[in-house]
Amino acid sequence: MKELQVALNNDRSYPIYIGAGLLAQTELLTKHIRSKQVLIVTNETIAPLYLVQLQKALGDYQVETVILPDGEQYKTLQYLEKVFDQLLAKKFSRNATLIALGGGVIGDMGGFAAACYQRGITFIQIPTTLLAQVDSSVGGKTGVNHPLGKNMIGAFYQPQCVIADADVLDTLDDRQLSAGLAEVIKYGLIRDLAFLQWLEANMPKLLARDKDALAYAIERSCLNKAEVVGEDEFESGIRATLNLGHTFGHAIETGSGYGHYLHGEAVAIGTCFAADLSRRLGWLNDADFERIVAVFKAASLPVTPPKDMTTEQYVDLMAVDKKNIDGKIRVILLEAVGKASLPVNVDLAQLQATLNGYAG
């Protein structure tokens, strides 16, 4: 087992545990639980696979469960209420612990519920997808979607720990695995060129689920994320670079209907948009751009934008983004392969040129 630390300038620092067979290691859980009351929030896909195993690991704790439908389209206030219903019905106190057992949707919803219930209870992240293990479970971003904008309702709320059990990836389907690789590739593009080069050389191993390759990719990704979050917990500066491709990608998810594209798929397409815009600004050359598109293709990710979304629709949806200030659309771009920009105010004409001109 590897243990990394998300080092924050307060008492909210916490460990990330990475390894195999961690769900069965009771002590990893119990040392982060404050009372006997534990609520596990999971979904209909993960519950049959891992819920009983987690319940056994918790032994004689008072363990209650909430099982939500699986999918981005259920990441709403309506379904979040089901978590509050159970917390209240079972009379959970402020010392209770909420465990989010699932992918990014469950982690975001569980964390937001923990942040809100009695103004904050303990929560633990047990991510079950590659995307959640390398990105969404780390850093304390929690929330739900709204029909007009993704992740616009939420809170920064750090977990007590993250337990990334590599064994749960054995049941992950190929599409979800590729979606997770989009966020892995992101770290190489924004700040870790050597990692990007490793990914380009080892993508076949990752797609074949080579255990050593996956373990290295998870650890390297979490190291990158932990360093950025430790420097900028509340996204006032460098943490925004983790959103490369996300402004475009969130527009695709919202415009296409939540659940049509997996988050990582939308981010892959969005990153190609961002690379194209970076090229138009003269920051990347044609070879850089083609290299970026090629690495996403090698990960079996889409690089072609939806054909039924208009330029006007993109601009409308991108205007609803947390990075925007005073009505200006701001995006993360690439100053070079391996180096991201801080949020850039986008000239509407240049943005429209990219939206109209890049067809994958």
Protein backbone atom coordinates (compact mmCIF):
# COMPACT_ATOMS: atom_id res chain seq x y z
CA MET A 1 0.00 0.00 0.00
CA LYS A 2 1.15 3.53 -0.81
CA GLU A 3 0.12 6.46 1.37
CA LEU A 4 0.17 10.01 0.01
CA GLN A 5 -0.71 13.14 1.94
CA VAL A 6 -2.89 16.04 0.85
CA ALA A 7 -1.06 18.65 2.91
CA LEU A 8 -3.29 21.64 3.65
CA ASN A 9 -2.41 24.60 5.85
CA ASN A 10 -4.90 23.58 8.53
CA ASP A 11 -6.27 20.54 10.31
CA ARG A 12 -7.96 19.33 7.12
CA SER A 13 -4.89 17.53 5.77
CA TYR A 14 -5.61 13.87 5.03
CA PRO A 15 -4.12 10.69 3.56
CA ILE A 16 -4.77 8.96 0.24
CA TYR A 17 -4.33 5.19 0.52
CA ILE A 18 -3.56 3.40 -2.76
CA GLY A 19 -3.26 -0.36 -3.03
CA ALA A 20 -5.00 -3.71 -3.48
CA GLY A 21 -7.43 -5.31 -1.03
CA LEU A 22 -7.94 -2.11 0.97
CA LEU A 23 -11.72 -2.53 1.36
CA ALA A 24 -11.06 -5.46 3.67
CA GLN A 25 -8.62 -3.53 5.90
CA THR A 26 -10.92 -2.49 8.72
CA GLU A 27 -8.33 -0.36 10.48
CA LEU A 28 -8.01 1.99 7.50
CA LEU A 29 -11.67 2.86 7.94
CA THR A 30 -12.10 2.79 11.69
CA LYS A 31 -9.28 5.18 12.53
CA HIS A 32 -11.10 7.85 10.53
CA ILE A 33 -14.57 7.22 12.00
CA ARG A 34 -15.64 9.29 15.02
CA SER A 35 -18.74 7.43 16.27
CA LYS A 36 -20.67 4.21 15.73
CA GLN A 37 -23.06 5.84 13.22
CA VAL A 38 -22.03 5.26 9.58
CA LEU A 39 -24.03 5.96 6.44
CA ILE A 40 -22.81 4.38 3.20
CA VAL A 41 -23.96 6.20 0.06
CA THR A 42 -23.55 4.14 -3.09
CA ASN A 43 -25.38 3.36 -6.34
CA GLU A 44 -27.25 0.49 -7.97
CA THR A 45 -24.18 -0.66 -9.93
CA ILE A 46 -21.69 -0.70 -7.07
CA ALA A 47 -23.95 -1.96 -4.27
CA PRO A 48 -24.18 -5.57 -5.53
CA LEU A 49 -20.42 -5.68 -6.02
CA TYR A 50 -18.89 -4.11 -2.92
CA LEU A 51 -21.50 -3.01 -0.37
CA VAL A 52 -21.55 -6.26 1.63
CA GLN A 53 -17.75 -6.35 1.73
CA LEU A 54 -17.65 -2.83 3.13
CA GLN A 55 -20.40 -3.57 5.65
CA LYS A 56 -18.44 -6.61 6.91
CA ALA A 57 -15.33 -4.48 7.31
CA LEU A 58 -17.33 -2.11 9.55
CA GLY A 59 -18.27 -4.92 11.93
CA ASP A 60 -20.51 -3.80 14.79
CA TYR A 61 -20.98 -0.18 13.69
CA GLN A 62 -24.51 1.10 13.13
CA VAL A 63 -24.34 0.96 9.34
CA GLU A 64 -27.16 2.39 7.23
CA THR A 65 -27.22 2.69 3.45
CA VAL A 66 -28.59 4.84 0.66
CA ILE A 67 -28.51 3.30 -2.81
CA LEU A 68 -29.02 5.84 -5.59
CA PRO A 69 -29.53 5.28 -9.32
CA ASP A 70 -26.31 5.21 -11.34
CA GLY A 71 -25.62 8.11 -13.70
CA GLU A 72 -24.79 11.78 -14.06
CA GLN A 73 -28.45 12.57 -14.72
CA TYR A 74 -29.21 11.68 -11.07
CA LYS A 75 -26.64 14.10 -9.62
CA THR A 76 -29.37 16.52 -8.55
CA LEU A 77 -30.83 18.14 -5.47
CA GLN A 78 -33.84 15.84 -5.80
CA TYR A 79 -31.74 12.70 -5.32
CA LEU A 80 -29.50 14.36 -2.75
CA GLU A 81 -32.57 14.70 -0.56
CA LYS A 82 -32.71 10.91 -0.26
CA VAL A 83 -29.40 11.05 1.63
CA PHE A 84 -30.72 13.69 4.04
CA ASP A 85 -33.93 11.66 4.49
CA GLN A 86 -31.94 8.67 5.72
CA LEU A 87 -29.63 10.73 7.96
CA LEU A 88 -32.66 12.29 9.64
CA ALA A 89 -34.78 9.14 9.77
CA LYS A 90 -31.97 7.24 11.52
CA LYS A 91 -31.28 10.20 13.84
CA PHE A 92 -27.65 10.58 12.87
CA SER A 93 -25.68 13.00 15.03
CA ARG A 94 -22.96 15.52 14.18
CA ASN A 95 -20.38 12.85 15.02
CA ALA A 96 -21.66 10.49 12.32
CA THR A 97 -19.58 9.47 9.31
CA LEU A 98 -20.73 9.31 5.69
CA ILE A 99 -18.84 6.97 3.35
CA ALA A 100 -19.13 7.64 -0.38
CA LEU A 101 -18.69 4.30 -2.15
CA GLY A 102 -18.79 4.87 -5.89
CA GLY A 103 -17.56 6.96 -8.78
CA GLY A 104 -17.43 10.70 -9.19
CA VAL A 105 -21.18 11.25 -8.96
CA ILE A 106 -21.48 9.42 -5.64
CA GLY A 107 -18.35 11.09 -4.29
CA ASP A 108 -19.59 14.57 -5.20
CA MET A 109 -23.08 13.97 -3.82
CA GLY A 110 -21.92 12.19 -0.68
CA GLY A 111 -19.41 14.91 0.07
CA PHE A 112 -21.97 17.66 -0.45
CA ALA A 113 -24.46 15.89 1.82
CA ALA A 114 -21.75 15.57 4.48
CA ALA A 115 -20.88 19.24 4.13
CA CYS A 116 -24.51 20.28 4.61
CA TYR A 117 -25.90 17.87 7.20
CA GLN A 118 -25.85 19.63 10.57
CA ARG A 119 -23.33 22.01 8.93
CA GLY A 120 -20.73 19.30 8.47
CA ILE A 121 -20.10 15.68 9.39
CA THR A 122 -17.11 13.41 8.74
CA PHE A 123 -16.91 11.73 5.37
CA ILE A 124 -14.67 9.20 3.67
CA GLN A 125 -14.13 8.72 -0.05
CA ILE A 126 -13.91 5.18 -1.44
CA PRO A 127 -13.74 5.79 -5.20
CA THR A 128 -14.63 2.85 -7.45
CA THR A 129 -13.80 4.24 -10.90
CA LEU A 130 -10.42 5.22 -12.30
CA LEU A 131 -11.64 8.78 -12.84
CA ALA A 132 -12.70 9.11 -9.22
CA GLN A 133 -9.49 7.54 -7.91
CA VAL A 134 -7.22 9.90 -9.85
CA ASP A 135 -9.27 13.08 -9.68
CA SER A 136 -12.71 13.69 -8.23
CA SER A 137 -12.20 11.96 -4.85
CA VAL A 138 -9.17 14.15 -4.06
CA GLY A 139 -9.41 17.83 -3.25
CA GLY A 140 -12.74 18.38 -1.56
CA LYS A 141 -14.89 19.57 -4.45
CA THR A 142 -18.45 18.41 -3.84
CA GLY A 143 -21.80 19.29 -5.37
CA VAL A 144 -24.65 18.58 -7.73
CA ASN A 145 -25.69 19.63 -11.22
CA HIS A 146 -28.43 21.99 -12.35
CA PRO A 147 -30.21 21.84 -15.72
CA LEU A 148 -28.51 25.14 -16.62
CA GLY A 149 -25.00 24.27 -15.47
CA LYS A 150 -22.82 21.42 -14.21
CA ASN A 151 -21.44 21.50 -10.63
CA MET A 152 -22.80 25.00 -10.00
CA ILE A 153 -24.25 24.05 -6.60
CA GLY A 154 -21.72 22.71 -4.12
CA ALA A 155 -19.05 23.29 -1.50
CA PHE A 156 -15.37 22.75 -0.80
CA TYR A 157 -15.37 20.06 1.86
CA GLN A 158 -12.40 17.78 2.47
CA PRO A 159 -12.72 14.07 3.33
CA GLN A 160 -11.01 12.43 6.27
CA CYS A 161 -9.25 10.09 3.86
CA VAL A 162 -9.42 8.60 0.38
CA ILE A 163 -9.18 4.82 0.00
CA ALA A 164 -8.33 3.87 -3.58
CA ASP A 165 -8.55 0.08 -3.82
CA ALA A 166 -7.08 -1.01 -7.15
CA ASP A 167 -9.02 -4.29 -7.03
CA VAL A 168 -12.35 -2.55 -7.64
CA LEU A 169 -11.14 -1.55 -11.11
CA ASP A 170 -11.42 -5.22 -12.12
CA THR A 171 -15.18 -4.74 -12.48
CA LEU A 172 -14.90 -1.40 -14.31
CA ASP A 173 -16.05 -1.57 -17.92
CA ASP A 174 -13.77 -0.49 -20.76
CA ARG A 175 -15.64 2.72 -21.47
CA GLN A 176 -15.34 3.87 -17.86
CA LEU A 177 -11.65 2.93 -17.82
CA SER A 178 -11.00 5.12 -20.87
CA ALA A 179 -13.03 7.96 -19.32
CA GLY A 180 -10.73 7.86 -16.31
CA LEU A 181 -7.68 8.02 -18.53
CA ALA A 182 -8.84 11.45 -19.76
CA GLU A 183 -8.13 12.91 -16.32
CA VAL A 184 -4.84 10.98 -16.09
CA ILE A 185 -3.71 12.48 -19.42
CA LYS A 186 -4.69 15.92 -18.13
CA TYR A 187 -1.94 15.89 -15.50
CA GLY A 188 0.67 15.25 -18.16
CA LEU A 189 -0.65 18.05 -20.35
CA ILE A 190 -0.88 20.72 -17.65
CA ARG A 191 2.22 20.14 -15.52
CA ASP A 192 4.03 16.79 -15.91
CA LEU A 193 5.55 16.32 -19.36
CA ALA A 194 7.57 13.27 -18.29
CA PHE A 195 4.33 11.59 -17.19
CA LEU A 196 2.72 12.42 -20.54
CA GLN A 197 5.63 10.76 -22.32
CA TRP A 198 5.22 7.71 -20.07
CA LEU A 199 1.50 7.59 -20.90
CA GLU A 200 2.18 7.76 -24.62
CA ALA A 201 4.54 4.78 -24.30
CA ASN A 202 2.36 2.75 -21.93
CA MET A 203 -1.21 3.37 -23.09
CA PRO A 204 -1.60 -0.22 -24.42
CA LYS A 205 -0.67 -1.56 -20.97
CA LEU A 206 -3.19 0.73 -19.28
CA LEU A 207 -5.98 -0.32 -21.63
CA ALA A 208 -5.02 -3.97 -21.02
CA ARG A 209 -5.36 -3.28 -17.25
CA ASP A 210 -1.76 -4.09 -16.43
CA LYS A 211 -1.73 -3.84 -12.63
CA ASP A 212 1.67 -2.22 -12.32
CA ALA A 213 0.93 0.36 -15.02
CA LEU A 214 -2.42 1.26 -13.48
CA ALA A 215 -0.90 1.53 -10.00
CA TYR A 216 1.78 3.89 -11.29
CA ALA A 217 -0.74 6.03 -13.20
CA ILE A 218 -2.99 6.34 -10.13
CA GLU A 219 -0.10 7.22 -7.82
CA ARG A 220 1.43 9.77 -10.21
CA SER A 221 -1.97 11.39 -10.83
CA CYS A 222 -2.76 11.62 -7.13
CA LEU A 223 0.68 13.10 -6.44
CA ASN A 224 0.01 15.81 -9.01
CA LYS A 225 -3.47 16.51 -7.67
CA ALA A 226 -2.31 16.56 -4.04
CA GLU A 227 0.47 19.03 -4.83
CA VAL A 228 -1.89 21.42 -6.60
CA VAL A 229 -4.62 21.19 -3.95
CA GLY A 230 -2.06 21.64 -1.17
CA GLU A 231 -0.92 24.87 -2.81
CA ASP A 232 -4.39 26.22 -3.65
CA GLU A 233 -7.21 24.52 -1.74
CA PHE A 234 -10.00 26.91 -2.77
CA GLU A 235 -9.06 27.41 -6.43
CA SER A 236 -7.96 31.03 -6.26
CA GLY A 237 -4.99 30.39 -8.54
CA ILE A 238 -3.10 27.37 -9.83
CA ARG A 239 -5.82 24.84 -8.96
CA ALA A 240 -7.89 26.24 -11.82
CA THR A 241 -5.41 24.61 -14.24
CA LEU A 242 -6.92 21.24 -13.26
CA ASN A 243 -9.94 22.37 -15.28
CA LEU A 244 -8.20 22.04 -18.65
CA GLY A 245 -10.90 21.05 -21.14
CA HIS A 246 -13.62 21.21 -18.50
CA THR A 247 -15.35 24.45 -19.55
CA PHE A 248 -15.89 23.02 -23.02
CA GLY A 249 -16.55 19.57 -21.58
CA HIS A 250 -19.17 20.72 -19.09
CA ALA A 251 -20.96 22.54 -21.93
CA ILE A 252 -21.00 19.27 -23.89
CA GLU A 253 -22.37 17.32 -20.91
CA THR A 254 -25.08 19.89 -20.21
CA GLY A 255 -26.00 20.52 -23.84
CA SER A 256 -26.14 16.82 -24.72
CA GLY A 257 -28.15 15.91 -21.62
CA TYR A 258 -26.41 14.63 -18.49
CA GLY A 259 -25.38 11.01 -18.92
CA HIS A 260 -25.06 10.97 -22.72
CA TYR A 261 -21.29 11.52 -22.48
CA LEU A 262 -19.25 10.28 -19.55
CA HIS A 263 -17.40 13.11 -17.84
CA GLY A 264 -14.00 11.93 -19.07
CA GLU A 265 -15.28 11.63 -22.63
CA ALA A 266 -16.53 15.21 -22.58
CA VAL A 267 -13.25 16.40 -21.05
CA ALA A 268 -11.27 14.66 -23.82
CA ILE A 269 -13.27 16.49 -26.49
CA GLY A 270 -13.09 19.70 -24.47
CA THR A 271 -9.31 19.43 -24.19
CA CYS A 272 -9.05 19.11 -27.97
CA PHE A 273 -11.10 22.33 -28.23
CA ALA A 274 -8.74 24.01 -25.73
CA ALA A 275 -5.70 22.78 -27.66
CA ASP A 276 -7.16 24.15 -30.89
CA LEU A 277 -7.76 27.54 -29.29
CA SER A 278 -4.22 27.47 -27.85
CA ARG A 279 -2.95 26.83 -31.38
CA ARG A 280 -4.93 29.77 -32.73
CA LEU A 281 -3.28 31.98 -30.12
CA GLY A 282 0.15 30.80 -31.28
CA TRP A 283 0.98 28.92 -28.07
CA LEU A 284 0.91 25.46 -29.69
CA ASN A 285 1.99 24.44 -33.16
CA ASP A 286 0.28 21.93 -35.43
CA ALA A 287 2.48 19.06 -34.24
CA ASP A 288 1.61 19.83 -30.59
CA PHE A 289 -2.07 19.84 -31.42
CA GLU A 290 -1.92 16.55 -33.30
CA ARG A 291 0.04 15.00 -30.44
CA ILE A 292 -2.69 15.92 -27.97
CA VAL A 293 -5.45 14.55 -30.17
CA ALA A 294 -3.42 11.36 -30.73
CA VAL A 295 -2.99 10.58 -27.03
CA PHE A 296 -6.74 10.80 -26.44
CA LYS A 297 -7.41 8.60 -29.46
CA ALA A 298 -4.86 6.09 -28.15
CA ALA A 299 -6.87 5.96 -24.90
CA SER A 300 -10.01 5.06 -26.92
CA LEU A 301 -11.60 8.41 -26.13
CA PRO A 302 -13.76 10.53 -28.44
CA VAL A 303 -12.20 13.64 -29.93
CA THR A 304 -15.08 14.70 -32.18
CA PRO A 305 -17.61 17.19 -30.76
CA PRO A 306 -21.35 16.54 -30.90
CA LYS A 307 -22.72 17.40 -34.32
CA ASP A 308 -26.05 18.65 -32.97
CA MET A 309 -24.67 21.42 -30.72
CA THR A 310 -24.52 24.92 -32.17
CA THR A 311 -21.85 27.54 -31.56
CA GLU A 312 -24.46 29.70 -29.84
CA GLN A 313 -25.34 26.82 -27.52
CA TYR A 314 -21.70 26.34 -26.52
CA VAL A 315 -21.26 30.05 -25.82
CA ASP A 316 -24.47 30.14 -23.77
CA LEU A 317 -23.47 27.15 -21.67
CA MET A 318 -19.84 28.22 -21.26
CA ALA A 319 -21.10 31.53 -19.88
CA VAL A 320 -22.34 29.54 -16.84
CA ASP A 321 -18.98 28.53 -15.37
CA LYS A 322 -17.33 29.08 -12.01
CA LYS A 323 -14.16 30.55 -13.55
CA ASN A 324 -16.04 33.39 -15.29
CA ILE A 325 -15.79 36.93 -13.90
CA ASP A 326 -17.94 39.94 -14.82
CA GLY A 327 -19.59 38.10 -17.68
CA LYS A 328 -16.27 37.18 -19.36
CA ILE A 329 -15.81 33.57 -20.48
CA ARG A 330 -12.50 32.30 -19.06
CA VAL A 331 -10.88 29.01 -19.96
CA ILE A 332 -7.70 27.10 -19.19
CA LEU A 333 -5.42 26.78 -22.21
CA LEU A 334 -1.96 25.35 -22.88
CA GLU A 335 1.03 27.63 -23.15
CA ALA A 336 2.98 24.53 -24.20
CA VAL A 337 2.56 20.78 -23.98
CA GLY A 338 3.13 20.17 -20.29
CA LYS A 339 2.31 23.71 -19.16
CA ALA A 340 -1.19 25.10 -18.60
CA SER A 341 -2.19 28.74 -18.44
CA LEU A 342 -4.16 30.31 -15.63
CA PRO A 343 -7.72 31.25 -16.68
CA VAL A 344 -7.68 33.30 -19.87
CA ASN A 345 -10.39 35.75 -20.95
CA VAL A 346 -11.51 34.42 -24.32
CA ASP A 347 -12.07 36.71 -27.28
CA LEU A 348 -15.49 35.74 -28.60
CA ALA A 349 -14.34 35.77 -32.23
CA GLN A 350 -11.46 33.39 -31.46
CA LEU A 351 -13.75 31.15 -29.44
CA GLN A 352 -16.26 30.98 -32.27
CA ALA A 353 -13.46 30.23 -34.73
CA THR A 354 -12.48 27.21 -32.63
CA LEU A 355 -16.08 26.09 -32.15
CA ASN A 356 -16.79 26.41 -35.87
CA GLY A 357 -13.44 25.14 -37.10
CA TYR A 358 -12.54 22.12 -35.01
CA ALA A 359 -14.46 19.04 -36.06
CA GLY A 360 -12.25 16.35 -34.56
